[in-house]
C-alpha atoms as a PDB file:
ATOM      1  CA  MET A   1       0.010   0.342   0.041  1.00  0.00           C
ATOM      2  CA  SER A   2       1.023   3.242  -0.982  1.00  0.00           C
ATOM      3  CA  THR A   3       0.628   6.866  -0.449  1.00  0.00           C
ATOM      4  CA  ALA A   4       0.478   9.538  -3.222  1.00  0.00           C
ATOM      5  CA  ASN A   5       1.206  13.288  -1.713  1.00  0.00           C
ATOM      6  CA  ARG A   6       0.356  15.945  -3.911  1.00  0.00           C
ATOM      7  CA  ASP A   7       1.809  19.802  -3.698  1.00  0.00           C
ATOM      8  CA  LEU A   8      -1.274  21.939  -2.182  1.00  0.00           C
ATOM      9  CA  ALA A   9      -1.087  25.571  -4.097  1.00  0.00           C
ATOM     10  CA  VAL A  10      -1.248  28.164  -1.033  1.00  0.00           C
ATOM     11  CA  HIS A  11      -1.896  30.560  -3.500  1.00  0.00           C
ATOM     12  CA  PRO A  12      -3.272  29.810  -6.771  1.00  0.00           C
ATOM     13  CA  ALA A  13      -2.444  31.228 -10.091  1.00  0.00           C
ATOM     14  CA  GLY A  14      -3.213  34.845 -10.522  1.00  0.00           C
ATOM     15  CA  GLU A  15      -4.466  35.690  -6.862  1.00  0.00           C
ATOM     16  CA  GLN A  16      -1.868  37.508  -5.284  1.00  0.00           C
ATOM     17  CA  PRO A  17       0.100  39.045  -8.733  1.00  0.00           C
ATOM     18  CA  GLU A  18       4.266  38.350  -8.262  1.00  0.00           C
ATOM     19  CA  VAL A  19       5.989  40.967  -6.445  1.00  0.00           C
ATOM     20  CA  GLU A  20       9.758  41.570  -7.650  1.00  0.00           C
ATOM     21  CA  PRO A  21      12.325  41.194  -5.134  1.00  0.00           C
ATOM     22  CA  TRP A  22      14.307  44.448  -5.865  1.00  0.00           C
ATOM     23  CA  SER A  23      11.335  47.139  -5.368  1.00  0.00           C
ATOM     24  CA  ALA A  24       9.972  48.252  -2.573  1.00  0.00           C
ATOM     25  CA  THR A  25       6.798  50.669  -1.497  1.00  0.00           C
ATOM     26  CA  ALA A  26       7.432  53.577   0.601  1.00  0.00           C
ATOM     27  CA  ASP A  27       4.924  55.846   1.734  1.00  0.00           C
ATOM     28  CA  THR A  28       6.118  59.849   2.258  1.00  0.00           C
ATOM     29  CA  PHE A  29       4.514  63.184   2.901  1.00  0.00           C
ATOM     30  CA  GLY A  30       4.434  63.409  -1.386  1.00  0.00           C
ATOM     31  CA  GLY A  31       2.208  60.463  -1.471  1.00  0.00           C
ATOM     32  CA  ARG A  32       3.302  56.723  -2.059  1.00  0.00           C
ATOM     33  CA  VAL A  33       6.690  56.135  -4.112  1.00  0.00           C
ATOM     34  CA  HIS A  34       7.879  52.948  -6.144  1.00  0.00           C
ATOM     35  CA  VAL A  35      11.455  52.220  -5.242  1.00  0.00           C
ATOM     36  CA  GLU A  36      13.518  50.375  -7.514  1.00  0.00           C
ATOM     37  CA  TRP A  37      17.261  49.016  -7.403  1.00  0.00           C
ATOM     38  CA  ASP A  38      19.378  49.125 -10.607  1.00  0.00           C
ATOM     39  CA  SER A  39      22.263  47.185 -10.288  1.00  0.00           C
ATOM     40  CA  MET A  40      23.789  48.751 -12.952  1.00  0.00           C
ATOM     41  CA  ALA A  41      22.873  53.021 -12.051  1.00  0.00           C
ATOM     42  CA  PRO A  42      25.504  54.853 -10.055  1.00  0.00           C
ATOM     43  CA  VAL A  43      25.625  55.096  -6.477  1.00  0.00           C
ATOM     44  CA  THR A  44      23.664  57.483  -4.692  1.00  0.00           C
ATOM     45  CA  PRO A  45      23.938  58.278  -1.260  1.00  0.00           C
ATOM     46  CA  PHE A  46      20.278  59.054  -1.157  1.00  0.00           C
ATOM     47  CA  GLY A  47      18.780  55.815  -2.564  1.00  0.00           C
ATOM     48  CA  GLN A  48      17.045  55.232   0.504  1.00  0.00           C
ATOM     49  CA  LEU A  49      15.999  58.284   1.843  1.00  0.00           C
ATOM     50  CA  ALA A  50      12.178  57.633   0.518  1.00  0.00           C
ATOM     51  CA  PHE A  51      12.366  54.360   3.844  1.00  0.00           C
ATOM     52  CA  PHE A  52      13.420  56.899   5.896  1.00  0.00           C
ATOM     53  CA  ILE A  53      10.826  59.403   5.344  1.00  0.00           C
ATOM     54  CA  ASP A  54       8.307  56.925   5.496  1.00  0.00           C
ATOM     55  CA  TYR A  55       9.556  56.067   9.317  1.00  0.00           C
ATOM     56  CA  LEU A  56       9.305  59.959   9.781  1.00  0.00           C
ATOM     57  CA  LYS A  57       5.709  59.929   8.821  1.00  0.00           C
ATOM     58  CA  GLN A  58       4.090  56.898  10.396  1.00  0.00           C
ATOM     59  CA  ALA A  59       5.769  58.078  13.553  1.00  0.00           C
ATOM     60  CA  GLY A  60       4.909  61.374  13.282  1.00  0.00           C
ATOM     61  CA  LEU A  61       8.285  63.062  14.147  1.00  0.00           C
ATOM     62  CA  PHE A  62       8.823  65.603  11.229  1.00  0.00           C
ATOM     63  CA  ASP A  63       5.367  66.974  11.614  1.00  0.00           C
ATOM     64  CA  ALA A  64       5.843  67.833  15.647  1.00  0.00           C
ATOM     65  CA  TRP A  65       9.290  68.482  15.006  1.00  0.00           C
ATOM     66  CA  VAL A  66       8.251  71.459  12.362  1.00  0.00           C
ATOM     67  CA  ALA A  67       5.486  72.491  14.429  1.00  0.00           C
ATOM     68  CA  ASP A  68       6.646  72.856  17.220  1.00  0.00           C
ATOM     69  CA  CYS A  69      10.105  74.830  16.238  1.00  0.00           C
ATOM     70  CA  PRO A  70       9.896  78.064  17.914  1.00  0.00           C
ATOM     71  CA  LEU A  71       9.970  79.895  14.668  1.00  0.00           C
ATOM     72  CA  TRP A  72       7.179  82.428  13.256  1.00  0.00           C
ATOM     73  CA  LEU A  73       8.139  84.517   9.911  1.00  0.00           C
ATOM     74  CA  THR A  74       5.079  86.824   8.865  1.00  0.00           C
ATOM     75  CA  SER A  75       6.847  88.517   6.081  1.00  0.00           C
ATOM     76  CA  PRO A  76       5.131  87.418   2.878  1.00  0.00           C
ATOM     77  CA  ASN A  77       8.346  86.964   0.651  1.00  0.00           C
ATOM     78  CA  ALA A  78       9.821  84.066   3.890  1.00  0.00           C
ATOM     79  CA  PRO A  79       9.966  80.892   3.371  1.00  0.00           C
ATOM     80  CA  ARG A  80       7.904  78.485   4.823  1.00  0.00           C
ATOM     81  CA  LYS A  81       9.074  76.989   7.647  1.00  0.00           C
ATOM     82  CA  ARG A  82       8.825  73.252   6.479  1.00  0.00           C
ATOM     83  CA  ASP A  83      10.942  74.343   3.802  1.00  0.00           C
ATOM     84  CA  LEU A  84      13.582  75.955   5.889  1.00  0.00           C
ATOM     85  CA  LEU A  85      13.593  72.850   8.590  1.00  0.00           C
ATOM     86  CA  GLY A  86      13.411  70.381   5.236  1.00  0.00           C
ATOM     87  CA  THR A  87      16.369  71.744   3.907  1.00  0.00           C
ATOM     88  CA  VAL A  88      18.183  71.734   6.983  1.00  0.00           C
ATOM     89  CA  LEU A  89      17.436  68.036   7.587  1.00  0.00           C
ATOM     90  CA  LEU A  90      18.533  67.169   3.848  1.00  0.00           C
ATOM     91  CA  SER A  91      21.270  68.949   4.364  1.00  0.00           C
ATOM     92  CA  VAL A  92      22.707  67.036   7.476  1.00  0.00           C
ATOM     93  CA  LEU A  93      21.569  63.523   6.284  1.00  0.00           C
ATOM     94  CA  ALA A  94      23.779  64.612   3.152  1.00  0.00           C
ATOM     95  CA  GLY A  95      26.925  64.975   5.563  1.00  0.00           C
ATOM     96  CA  HIS A  96      27.082  68.742   4.657  1.00  0.00           C
ATOM     97  CA  ARG A  97      29.598  70.975   7.332  1.00  0.00           C
ATOM     98  CA  ARG A  98      29.014  74.131   5.883  1.00  0.00           C
ATOM     99  CA  TYR A  99      26.254  76.435   4.683  1.00  0.00           C
ATOM    100  CA  ALA A 100      27.698  76.788   1.137  1.00  0.00           C
ATOM    101  CA  HIS A 101      26.782  73.321   1.061  1.00  0.00           C
ATOM    102  CA  ILE A 102      23.256  73.469   1.005  1.00  0.00           C
ATOM    103  CA  THR A 103      23.402  74.842  -2.515  1.00  0.00           C
ATOM    104  CA  ALA A 104      24.585  71.124  -4.067  1.00  0.00           C
ATOM    105  CA  LEU A 105      20.648  70.172  -2.613  1.00  0.00           C
ATOM    106  CA  ARG A 106      19.018  72.453  -5.186  1.00  0.00           C
ATOM    107  CA  CYS A 107      19.622  70.218  -7.643  1.00  0.00           C
ATOM    108  CA  ASP A 108      17.190  67.431  -6.289  1.00  0.00           C
ATOM    109  CA  PRO A 109      14.112  67.585  -7.451  1.00  0.00           C
ATOM    110  CA  VAL A 110      13.079  63.725  -5.707  1.00  0.00           C
ATOM    111  CA  ASN A 111      13.046  64.277  -2.053  1.00  0.00           C
ATOM    112  CA  PRO A 112      12.134  67.488  -1.054  1.00  0.00           C
ATOM    113  CA  PRO A 113       8.840  67.017  -2.046  1.00  0.00           C
ATOM    114  CA  LEU A 114       9.182  63.206  -0.355  1.00  0.00           C
ATOM    115  CA  LEU A 115       9.325  65.717   2.961  1.00  0.00           C
ATOM    116  CA  GLY A 116       6.439  67.608   1.908  1.00  0.00           C
ATOM    117  CA  MET A 117       8.185  70.904   0.569  1.00  0.00           C
ATOM    118  CA  LYS A 118       7.823  73.121  -2.042  1.00  0.00           C
ATOM    119  CA  LYS A 119      11.328  73.994  -2.434  1.00  0.00           C
ATOM    120  CA  VAL A 120      14.596  74.026  -0.917  1.00  0.00           C
ATOM    121  CA  VAL A 121      15.600  77.388   0.430  1.00  0.00           C
ATOM    122  CA  SER A 122      19.107  78.782  -0.076  1.00  0.00           C
ATOM    123  CA  GLU A 123      22.074  79.010   2.829  1.00  0.00           C
ATOM    124  CA  ASP A 124      21.508  82.533   3.475  1.00  0.00           C
ATOM    125  CA  ALA A 125      17.703  82.087   4.171  1.00  0.00           C
ATOM    126  CA  VAL A 126      18.363  78.686   6.591  1.00  0.00           C
ATOM    127  CA  ARG A 127      21.522  80.996   8.366  1.00  0.00           C
ATOM    128  CA  ARG A 128      19.099  84.110   8.828  1.00  0.00           C
ATOM    129  CA  GLY A 129      15.972  81.888   9.651  1.00  0.00           C
ATOM    130  CA  LEU A 130      18.201  80.213  12.497  1.00  0.00           C
ATOM    131  CA  LYS A 131      19.060  83.041  14.078  1.00  0.00           C
ATOM    132  CA  LYS A 132      15.515  83.976  14.543  1.00  0.00           C
ATOM    133  CA  ILE A 133      15.165  81.469  17.082  1.00  0.00           C
ATOM    134  CA  ASN A 134      15.401  82.176  20.373  1.00  0.00           C
ATOM    135  CA  GLU A 135      18.587  80.218  22.103  1.00  0.00           C
ATOM    136  CA  ALA A 136      16.686  79.300  25.437  1.00  0.00           C
ATOM    137  CA  LYS A 137      13.749  78.318  23.676  1.00  0.00           C
ATOM    138  CA  GLY A 138      15.433  76.535  20.604  1.00  0.00           C
ATOM    139  CA  LEU A 139      17.574  74.234  22.568  1.00  0.00           C
ATOM    140  CA  GLY A 140      14.717  73.421  24.493  1.00  0.00           C
ATOM    141  CA  TRP A 141      12.566  72.547  21.613  1.00  0.00           C
ATOM    142  CA  LEU A 142      15.267  69.933  20.704  1.00  0.00           C
ATOM    143  CA  GLN A 143      15.894  68.798  23.730  1.00  0.00           C
ATOM    144  CA  ASN A 144      12.298  67.700  24.485  1.00  0.00           C
ATOM    145  CA  HIS A 145      11.797  65.838  20.739  1.00  0.00           C
ATOM    146  CA  LEU A 146      15.009  64.320  21.926  1.00  0.00           C
ATOM    147  CA  ASP A 147      13.769  62.783  24.761  1.00  0.00           C
ATOM    148  CA  TYR A 148      11.071  61.617  23.064  1.00  0.00           C
ATOM    149  CA  CYS A 149      13.155  59.503  21.238  1.00  0.00           C
ATOM    150  CA  ILE A 150      15.599  58.238  23.565  1.00  0.00           C
ATOM    151  CA  THR A 151      13.608  58.030  26.936  1.00  0.00           C
ATOM    152  CA  PRO A 152      12.190  54.324  26.416  1.00  0.00           C
ATOM    153  CA  LEU A 153      15.401  53.270  25.745  1.00  0.00           C
ATOM    154  CA  LEU A 154      16.941  54.579  29.461  1.00  0.00           C
ATOM    155  CA  GLY A 155      15.036  52.082  31.488  1.00  0.00           C
ATOM    156  CA  GLU A 156      17.717  49.378  31.184  1.00  0.00           C
ATOM    157  CA  PRO A 157      20.978  49.508  32.695  1.00  0.00           C
ATOM    158  CA  TRP A 158      23.464  51.417  30.156  1.00  0.00           C
ATOM    159  CA  VAL A 159      27.088  52.383  30.134  1.00  0.00           C
ATOM    160  CA  LEU A 160      27.406  56.562  29.012  1.00  0.00           C
ATOM    161  CA  ASP A 161      30.589  56.979  27.011  1.00  0.00           C
ATOM    162  CA  MET A 162      32.084  60.523  27.509  1.00  0.00           C
ATOM    163  CA  ASP A 163      35.121  61.811  24.748  1.00  0.00           C
ATOM    164  CA  SER A 164      36.748  65.709  24.143  1.00  0.00           C
ATOM    165  CA  THR A 165      37.642  66.122  20.547  1.00  0.00           C
ATOM    166  CA  VAL A 166      39.286  69.018  18.892  1.00  0.00           C
ATOM    167  CA  LYS A 167      37.567  70.612  15.566  1.00  0.00           C
ATOM    168  CA  THR A 168      39.563  72.992  13.657  1.00  0.00           C
ATOM    169  CA  LEU A 169      37.812  76.880  12.226  1.00  0.00           C
ATOM    170  CA  TYR A 170      38.925  78.555   9.354  1.00  0.00           C
ATOM    171  CA  GLY A 171      38.016  82.180   8.818  1.00  0.00           C
ATOM    172  CA  HIS A 172      35.976  83.822  11.849  1.00  0.00           C
ATOM    173  CA  GLN A 173      33.625  82.342  13.698  1.00  0.00           C
ATOM    174  CA  GLU A 174      32.186  82.749  17.197  1.00  0.00           C
ATOM    175  CA  GLY A 175      34.578  80.969  20.473  1.00  0.00           C
ATOM    176  CA  ALA A 176      37.533  80.305  17.497  1.00  0.00           C
ATOM    177  CA  GLU A 177      40.259  80.216  19.853  1.00  0.00           C
ATOM    178  CA  LEU A 178      43.436  78.764  20.191  1.00  0.00           C
ATOM    179  CA  GLY A 179      44.627  76.141  22.035  1.00  0.00           C
ATOM    180  CA  TYR A 180      45.248  72.644  22.115  1.00  0.00           C
ATOM    181  CA  ASN A 181      44.974  71.277  18.325  1.00  0.00           C
ATOM    182  CA  PRO A 182      47.660  68.287  17.679  1.00  0.00           C
ATOM    183  CA  ASP A 183      46.496  68.570  14.018  1.00  0.00           C
ATOM    184  CA  LYS A 184      46.857  71.810  13.160  1.00  0.00           C
ATOM    185  CA  PRO A 185      49.156  73.401  15.907  1.00  0.00           C
ATOM    186  CA  GLY A 186      48.373  77.076  16.132  1.00  0.00           C
ATOM    187  CA  ARG A 187      45.325  77.473  13.912  1.00  0.00           C
ATOM    188  CA  PRO A 188      41.712  78.258  16.607  1.00  0.00           C
ATOM    189  CA  SER A 189      39.377  75.318  17.089  1.00  0.00           C
ATOM    190  CA  HIS A 190      35.995  73.882  19.018  1.00  0.00           C
ATOM    191  CA  ALA A 191      36.281  72.098  21.593  1.00  0.00           C
ATOM    192  CA  TYR A 192      33.758  69.405  21.478  1.00  0.00           C
ATOM    193  CA  HIS A 193      32.497  66.970  24.404  1.00  0.00           C
ATOM    194  CA  THR A 194      30.288  64.790  23.782  1.00  0.00           C
ATOM    195  CA  TYR A 195      28.280  62.043  25.326  1.00  0.00           C
ATOM    196  CA  MET A 196      27.065  59.006  23.670  1.00  0.00           C
ATOM    197  CA  LEU A 197      24.614  56.143  25.048  1.00  0.00           C
ATOM    198  CA  SER A 198      27.536  53.605  24.583  1.00  0.00           C
ATOM    199  CA  SER A 199      25.692  49.858  23.265  1.00  0.00           C
ATOM    200  CA  LEU A 200      23.604  52.133  20.283  1.00  0.00           C
ATOM    201  CA  ARG A 201      26.174  55.312  19.962  1.00  0.00           C
ATOM    202  CA  LEU A 202      23.593  57.413  20.364  1.00  0.00           C
ATOM    203  CA  VAL A 203      24.676  61.746  20.721  1.00  0.00           C
ATOM    204  CA  LEU A 204      22.980  62.720  24.360  1.00  0.00           C
ATOM    205  CA  ARG A 205      24.673  65.604  24.681  1.00  0.00           C
ATOM    206  CA  VAL A 206      27.351  67.905  22.921  1.00  0.00           C
ATOM    207  CA  ASP A 207      29.104  70.995  24.285  1.00  0.00           C
ATOM    208  CA  VAL A 208      30.123  73.054  22.363  1.00  0.00           C
ATOM    209  CA  LEU A 209      33.140  75.537  23.881  1.00  0.00           C
ATOM    210  CA  PRO A 210      35.771  77.974  22.395  1.00  0.00           C
ATOM    211  CA  GLY A 211      39.300  76.245  21.616  1.00  0.00           C
ATOM    212  CA  ASP A 212      41.184  77.243  24.694  1.00  0.00           C
ATOM    213  CA  ARG A 213      38.511  75.111  27.253  1.00  0.00           C
ATOM    214  CA  TYR A 214      39.183  71.675  25.870  1.00  0.00           C
ATOM    215  CA  ASN A 215      40.130  70.873  28.818  1.00  0.00           C
ATOM    216  CA  VAL A 216      37.643  68.320  30.741  1.00  0.00           C
ATOM    217  CA  ALA A 217      37.800  70.620  33.630  1.00  0.00           C
ATOM    218  CA  HIS A 218      35.104  72.678  31.782  1.00  0.00           C
ATOM    219  CA  ALA A 219      32.763  70.203  30.385  1.00  0.00           C
ATOM    220  CA  THR A 220      32.026  68.639  33.953  1.00  0.00           C
ATOM    221  CA  ASP A 221      29.139  71.243  33.634  1.00  0.00           C
ATOM    222  CA  GLY A 222      27.696  69.770  30.971  1.00  0.00           C
ATOM    223  CA  LEU A 223      27.953  66.333  32.491  1.00  0.00           C
ATOM    224  CA  TRP A 224      25.922  66.590  35.459  1.00  0.00           C
ATOM    225  CA  THR A 225      23.459  68.558  33.652  1.00  0.00           C
ATOM    226  CA  LEU A 226      22.284  65.716  31.789  1.00  0.00           C
ATOM    227  CA  LEU A 227      22.565  63.596  34.646  1.00  0.00           C
ATOM    228  CA  ASP A 228      20.534  65.629  36.650  1.00  0.00           C
ATOM    229  CA  HIS A 229      18.345  66.069  33.765  1.00  0.00           C
ATOM    230  CA  LEU A 230      17.585  62.520  33.017  1.00  0.00           C
ATOM    231  CA  GLY A 231      16.670  61.862  36.127  1.00  0.00           C
ATOM    232  CA  ALA A 232      17.679  59.119  39.198  1.00  0.00           C
ATOM    233  CA  SER A 233      15.708  56.188  37.462  1.00  0.00           C
ATOM    234  CA  ARG A 234      16.806  56.956  33.851  1.00  0.00           C
ATOM    235  CA  ARG A 235      21.086  57.257  35.300  1.00  0.00           C
ATOM    236  CA  PRO A 236      23.900  55.389  33.256  1.00  0.00           C
ATOM    237  CA  ALA A 237      24.824  52.386  35.114  1.00  0.00           C
ATOM    238  CA  LEU A 238      28.535  53.286  34.364  1.00  0.00           C
ATOM    239  CA  LEU A 239      30.548  56.327  32.971  1.00  0.00           C
ATOM    240  CA  ARG A 240      33.111  55.363  31.253  1.00  0.00           C
ATOM    241  CA  GLY A 241      36.297  58.076  29.402  1.00  0.00           C
ATOM    242  CA  ASP A 242      39.663  58.259  28.658  1.00  0.00           C
ATOM    243  CA  LYS A 243      42.161  59.505  30.702  1.00  0.00           C
ATOM    244  CA  SER A 244      41.105  63.164  30.315  1.00  0.00           C
ATOM    245  CA  TRP A 245      38.171  62.229  32.614  1.00  0.00           C
ATOM    246  CA  GLY A 246      39.898  60.672  35.229  1.00  0.00           C
ATOM    247  CA  ILE A 247      40.644  63.748  37.567  1.00  0.00           C
ATOM    248  CA  GLU A 248      39.542  64.058  41.137  1.00  0.00           C
ATOM    249  CA  PRO A 249      36.194  66.430  40.764  1.00  0.00           C
ATOM    250  CA  VAL A 250      34.913  64.071  38.394  1.00  0.00           C
ATOM    251  CA  MET A 251      35.696  61.172  40.388  1.00  0.00           C
ATOM    252  CA  ALA A 252      34.503  62.672  43.685  1.00  0.00           C
ATOM    253  CA  ARG A 253      31.512  63.913  42.344  1.00  0.00           C
ATOM    254  CA  ALA A 254      30.572  60.613  40.770  1.00  0.00           C
ATOM    255  CA  GLU A 255      31.220  58.967  44.586  1.00  0.00           C
ATOM    256  CA  ARG A 256      29.140  61.277  46.026  1.00  0.00           C
ATOM    257  CA  GLU A 257      26.073  60.774  43.457  1.00  0.00           C
ATOM    258  CA  GLU A 258      26.781  57.038  43.924  1.00  0.00           C
ATOM    259  CA  LEU A 259      27.755  56.375  40.192  1.00  0.00           C
ATOM    260  CA  ALA A 260      30.401  53.893  38.767  1.00  0.00           C
ATOM    261  CA  TYR A 261      33.027  55.002  36.561  1.00  0.00           C
ATOM    262  CA  LEU A 262      35.916  53.463  34.751  1.00  0.00           C
ATOM    263  CA  PHE A 263      38.234  56.028  33.465  1.00  0.00           C
ATOM    264  CA  ARG A 264      42.003  55.407  31.939  1.00  0.00           C
ATOM    265  CA  LEU A 265      44.519  55.668  34.213  1.00  0.00           C
ATOM    266  CA  ARG A 266      47.004  58.527  33.720  1.00  0.00           C
ATOM    267  CA  MET A 267      50.502  56.807  33.970  1.00  0.00           C
ATOM    268  CA  THR A 268      52.576  58.541  36.768  1.00  0.00           C
ATOM    269  CA  LYS A 269      55.434  58.215  38.050  1.00  0.00           C
ATOM    270  CA  ASN A 270      53.587  56.563  40.735  1.00  0.00           C
ATOM    271  CA  VAL A 271      51.791  54.067  38.751  1.00  0.00           C
ATOM    272  CA  ARG A 272      54.118  53.201  36.755  1.00  0.00           C
ATOM    273  CA  ARG A 273      56.221  51.953  40.212  1.00  0.00           C
ATOM    274  CA  SER A 274      52.768  50.190  41.169  1.00  0.00           C
ATOM    275  CA  MET A 275      52.686  48.771  38.017  1.00  0.00           C
ATOM    276  CA  GLU A 276      56.167  47.002  38.070  1.00  0.00           C
ATOM    277  CA  ARG A 277      55.423  46.247  41.479  1.00  0.00           C
ATOM    278  CA  ALA A 278      52.549  44.177  40.260  1.00  0.00           C
ATOM    279  CA  MET A 279      54.498  42.527  37.370  1.00  0.00           C
ATOM    280  CA  ARG A 280      56.748  40.825  40.114  1.00  0.00           C
ATOM    281  CA  GLN A 281      53.685  39.202  41.769  1.00  0.00           C
ATOM    282  CA  SER A 282      52.016  35.773  41.620  1.00  0.00           C
ATOM    283  CA  ASP A 283      48.706  36.286  42.817  1.00  0.00           C
ATOM    284  CA  TRP A 284      47.047  37.073  39.062  1.00  0.00           C
ATOM    285  CA  ALA A 285      43.173  35.972  38.512  1.00  0.00           C
ATOM    286  CA  ASP A 286      41.474  35.332  35.727  1.00  0.00           C
ATOM    287  CA  ALA A 287      39.674  38.552  34.370  1.00  0.00           C
ATOM    288  CA  GLY A 288      37.994  36.850  31.507  1.00  0.00           C
ATOM    289  CA  GLN A 289      38.800  36.443  27.953  1.00  0.00           C
ATOM    290  CA  ALA A 290      42.519  35.478  28.553  1.00  0.00           C
ATOM    291  CA  CYS A 291      43.324  38.736  30.526  1.00  0.00           C
ATOM    292  CA  PRO A 292      44.622  38.280  33.625  1.00  0.00           C
ATOM    293  CA  CYS A 293      44.571  41.033  36.199  1.00  0.00           C
ATOM    294  CA  GLU A 294      45.563  41.770  39.331  1.00  0.00           C
ATOM    295  CA  GLY A 295      44.320  44.050  42.092  1.00  0.00           C
ATOM    296  CA  ARG A 296      46.739  47.111  43.972  1.00  0.00           C
ATOM    297  CA  GLY A 297      45.256  49.745  45.739  1.00  0.00           C
ATOM    298  CA  LEU A 298      46.127  53.324  44.473  1.00  0.00           C
ATOM    299  CA  ALA A 299      45.271  56.637  46.758  1.00  0.00           C
ATOM    300  CA  ARG A 300      44.565  59.376  44.673  1.00  0.00           C
ATOM    301  CA  GLN A 301      45.092  63.009  44.768  1.00  0.00           C
ATOM    302  CA  GLY A 302      45.764  64.222  48.343  1.00  0.00           C
ATOM    303  CA  ASN A 303      44.907  60.988  49.995  1.00  0.00           C
ATOM    304  CA  GLN A 304      41.702  62.131  50.125  1.00  0.00           C
ATOM    305  CA  PRO A 305      39.218  59.758  51.687  1.00  0.00           C
ATOM    306  CA  ALA A 306      36.250  59.174  48.827  1.00  0.00           C
ATOM    307  CA  ALA A 307      32.729  60.596  49.722  1.00  0.00           C
ATOM    308  CA  GLY A 308      30.040  58.308  51.484  1.00  0.00           C
ATOM    309  CA  GLY A 309      32.746  56.791  53.744  1.00  0.00           C
ATOM    310  CA  LEU A 310      34.555  54.645  50.819  1.00  0.00           C
ATOM    311  CA  GLU A 311      38.520  54.331  51.042  1.00  0.00           C
ATOM    312  CA  PRO A 312      39.824  54.964  47.399  1.00  0.00           C
ATOM    313  CA  THR A 313      42.179  52.776  48.287  1.00  0.00           C
ATOM    314  CA  ALA A 314      39.458  49.894  49.109  1.00  0.00           C
ATOM    315  CA  ALA A 315      38.415  50.133  45.296  1.00  0.00           C
ATOM    316  CA  ASP A 316      40.776  51.256  42.894  1.00  0.00           C
ATOM    317  CA  HIS A 317      42.255  48.940  41.136  1.00  0.00           C
ATOM    318  CA  ILE A 318      44.441  48.224  37.861  1.00  0.00           C
ATOM    319  CA  ALA A 319      44.085  45.826  35.438  1.00  0.00           C
ATOM    320  CA  ALA A 320      46.071  45.099  32.335  1.00  0.00           C
ATOM    321  CA  SER A 321      43.866  43.354  29.050  1.00  0.00           C
ATOM    322  CA  GLN A 322      47.098  42.083  27.873  1.00  0.00           C
ATOM    323  CA  ALA A 323      48.767  38.445  28.312  1.00  0.00           C
ATOM    324  CA  ARG A 324      51.082  38.660  31.580  1.00  0.00           C
ATOM    325  CA  PRO A 325      54.629  39.315  30.123  1.00  0.00           C
ATOM    326  CA  ARG A 326      57.045  37.027  30.416  1.00  0.00           C
ATOM    327  CA  PRO A 327      59.487  37.023  33.403  1.00  0.00           C
ATOM    328  CA  GLY A 328      62.013  39.978  33.217  1.00  0.00           C
ATOM    329  CA  ASP A 329      59.726  41.875  30.947  1.00  0.00           C
ATOM    330  CA  HIS A 330      58.215  43.911  33.819  1.00  0.00           C
ATOM    331  CA  ARG A 331      59.643  47.581  33.155  1.00  0.00           C
ATOM    332  CA  SER A 332      58.884  47.321  29.066  1.00  0.00           C
ATOM    333  CA  PHE A 333      55.157  46.347  30.120  1.00  0.00           C
ATOM    334  CA  ALA A 334      54.157  49.031  32.876  1.00  0.00           C
ATOM    335  CA  PHE A 335      55.757  51.879  30.622  1.00  0.00           C
ATOM    336  CA  ARG A 336      53.939  50.455  27.654  1.00  0.00           C
ATOM    337  CA  ALA A 337      50.847  50.562  30.215  1.00  0.00           C
ATOM    338  CA  ALA A 338      48.591  50.751  27.049  1.00  0.00           C
ATOM    339  CA  ALA A 339      45.077  49.446  29.270  1.00  0.00           C
ATOM    340  CA  ALA A 340      45.904  50.501  32.415  1.00  0.00           C
ATOM    341  CA  TRP A 341      42.033  51.507  34.378  1.00  0.00           C
ATOM    342  CA  LEU A 342      40.698  53.331  36.947  1.00  0.00           C
ATOM    343  CA  TYR A 343      37.571  51.666  37.888  1.00  0.00           C
ATOM    344  CA  ARG A 344      34.661  52.641  41.202  1.00  0.00           C
ATOM    345  CA  ASP A 345      32.364  50.308  41.852  1.00  0.00           C
ATOM    346  CA  ARG A 346      29.097  51.943  43.889  1.00  0.00           C
ATOM    347  CA  ALA A 347      29.994  48.707  45.793  1.00  0.00           C
END
């Protein structure tokens, strides 16, 4: 006895049209558009912008952003607020770094209508329009919409990455001062102090300061303003930064706020001597991922006790994220010291 198997057609022929794998549809402010990929056509950076505009429309983000903008233009010759802000958005997505680059957008007849724009305004119109926005109201407007997007993500434990960089400036710009500039010594610059949600690389705040205020000591106010704004329920589980952030004011304040931190350790003479002594010890433990570590107490500046009754020598550790060197290589490893970190746990 045998059983005959036959294929059953789930969708009989003619019931559903065949969908080509290289095409898709996006619902934009200019209507539904059909997007096709052509492997033989030149590459364009805006090929997938229609899908991002679809996302902005479905989530209501762009309409709300335009409606809440504290900009009111009453002149009959003034551009529409949607055209001005849409031009800024397209310029940012195109990677433009100067107002003059906006002119390149005026040759694009496709993407502006997808945002519901009637035209791309000139660079001068964008500059004049942004200058009419009150600084305090403008910051509040942008911060509210940023909070709307990122607040749901901060309910889980997360790490705050802090970074400082220098941007070289040309011409006459506000805040262009001489300071630390390794790429162009003697050239004015801006100092950018950035705070990011590490796992997603989302920027939560950027403090733009004059070039002579590149030191982290000038950025601490921005850090604590951000943490106070987030509130106790959405604070990070860990503060993480390079050696420039491992300074006494930041560590002492973090301990008072009961925030764990991880900063790269400054390789001072005392730290180097401690590293050399650690290399001679045999009580190294496995820190995971084939990286041995050794705990060793270090007193901070002035050997001051930490806030909250915690002694700094009880919870500060030196950890080397390289394999332990061979005997006799103590000094060279200590002086390389490329992976020494200063860690403070709330416990």
